[in-house]
């Protein structure tokens, strides 16, 4: 089981798009130096978040590892069931990725 968490990150600051526009460099510095994310809203709706690039890359790796483990588990289950017409792990990954696009 994979547990995805945001480590040692401060509570996010919530700002509107208009507010962020006026001090984007500060928002980026805050994310990087203080590890404080900024949630950006537009018309009161949360639209995006600014986080440090290293944290983004770490979370991306966790998500990719979880996806790979899930695909491996599906492939193992299909293999153990001996189903005709089953597909390889690579074929399954390609099908799932094409569904996302």
Protein backbone atom coordinates (compact mmCIF):
# COMPACT_ATOMS: atom_id res chain seq x y z
CA UNK A 1 0.00 0.00 0.00
CA UNK A 2 1.26 3.46 -0.87
CA UNK A 3 0.66 6.40 1.40
CA UNK A 4 0.91 9.73 -0.36
CA UNK A 5 1.44 12.66 1.92
CA UNK A 6 2.87 16.12 1.75
CA UNK A 7 5.79 16.10 4.11
CA UNK A 8 6.65 18.97 6.39
CA UNK A 9 4.61 21.38 4.33
CA UNK A 10 2.93 24.37 5.94
CA UNK A 11 -0.79 24.99 5.68
CA UNK A 12 -1.54 26.49 2.27
CA UNK A 13 -2.16 30.15 1.65
CA UNK A 14 -5.30 30.77 -0.40
CA UNK A 15 -5.23 33.71 -2.81
CA UNK A 16 -7.22 34.83 -5.81
CA UNK A 17 -5.76 34.91 -9.29
CA UNK A 18 -5.77 38.72 -9.14
CA UNK A 19 -3.78 38.72 -5.88
CA UNK A 20 -1.22 36.22 -7.18
CA UNK A 21 -0.79 38.17 -10.40
CA UNK A 22 0.61 41.06 -8.42
CA UNK A 23 3.30 39.06 -6.64
CA UNK A 24 3.90 35.76 -8.44
CA UNK A 25 7.63 35.78 -7.66
CA UNK A 26 6.82 35.96 -3.94
CA UNK A 27 4.36 33.05 -4.27
CA UNK A 28 7.04 30.94 -5.96
CA UNK A 29 9.66 31.92 -3.37
CA UNK A 30 7.24 31.05 -0.55
CA UNK A 31 6.62 27.62 -2.07
CA UNK A 32 10.32 26.95 -2.51
CA UNK A 33 11.89 28.48 0.59
CA UNK A 34 9.13 28.14 3.16
CA UNK A 35 7.53 24.98 1.73
CA UNK A 36 4.19 26.78 1.83
CA UNK A 37 1.84 26.00 -1.05
CA UNK A 38 -0.49 28.61 -2.46
CA UNK A 39 -3.94 27.61 -3.65
CA UNK A 40 -5.09 29.92 -6.42
CA UNK A 41 -8.77 30.69 -6.77
CA UNK A 42 -10.74 32.15 -9.65
CA UNK A 43 -14.22 33.49 -8.95
CA UNK A 44 -14.08 31.81 -5.54
CA UNK A 45 -13.31 28.36 -6.94
CA UNK A 46 -9.98 26.62 -6.25
CA UNK A 47 -8.24 26.22 -9.60
CA UNK A 48 -4.54 25.49 -9.06
CA UNK A 49 -1.80 25.17 -6.50
CA UNK A 50 1.79 26.39 -6.51
CA UNK A 51 4.20 24.00 -4.79
CA UNK A 52 7.95 23.56 -4.79
CA UNK A 53 9.21 21.69 -7.87
CA UNK A 54 11.01 19.07 -5.78
CA UNK A 55 7.78 18.30 -3.91
CA UNK A 56 5.91 18.05 -7.21
CA UNK A 57 8.51 15.64 -8.59
CA UNK A 58 8.38 13.55 -5.40
CA UNK A 59 4.58 13.32 -5.55
CA UNK A 60 4.75 12.46 -9.24
CA UNK A 61 7.18 9.59 -8.53
CA UNK A 62 4.86 8.28 -5.80
CA UNK A 63 1.91 8.37 -8.22
CA UNK A 64 3.90 6.60 -10.96
CA UNK A 65 5.10 3.92 -8.51
CA UNK A 66 1.54 3.37 -7.31
CA UNK A 67 0.29 3.09 -10.90
CA UNK A 68 3.03 0.59 -11.75
CA UNK A 69 2.24 -1.50 -8.66
CA UNK A 70 -1.46 -1.46 -9.55
CA UNK A 71 -0.75 -2.51 -13.14
CA UNK A 72 1.55 -5.30 -11.94
CA UNK A 73 -1.14 -6.52 -9.55
CA UNK A 74 -3.74 -6.54 -12.36
CA UNK A 75 -1.36 -8.41 -14.64
CA UNK A 76 -0.59 -10.97 -11.91
CA UNK A 77 -4.30 -11.50 -11.27
CA UNK A 78 -5.04 -11.96 -14.98
CA UNK A 79 -2.13 -14.37 -15.33
CA UNK A 80 -3.22 -16.43 -12.33
CA UNK A 81 -6.76 -16.66 -13.71
CA UNK A 82 -5.35 -17.87 -17.02
CA UNK A 83 -7.79 -15.82 -19.04
CA UNK A 84 -7.57 -16.11 -22.79
CA UNK A 85 -7.10 -12.83 -24.54
CA UNK A 86 -5.26 -11.25 -21.64
CA UNK A 87 -2.83 -8.48 -22.49
CA UNK A 88 0.71 -7.77 -21.45
CA UNK A 89 1.54 -5.19 -18.82
CA UNK A 90 2.84 -2.85 -21.50
CA UNK A 91 -0.36 -3.20 -23.54
CA UNK A 92 -2.48 -2.60 -20.45
CA UNK A 93 -0.48 0.50 -19.53
CA UNK A 94 -0.85 1.87 -23.06
CA UNK A 95 -4.62 1.29 -22.99
CA UNK A 96 -5.00 3.01 -19.62
CA UNK A 97 -2.87 5.97 -20.68
CA UNK A 98 -4.86 6.37 -23.91
CA UNK A 99 -8.08 6.42 -21.88
CA UNK A 100 -6.74 9.41 -19.90
CA UNK A 101 -5.99 11.43 -23.04
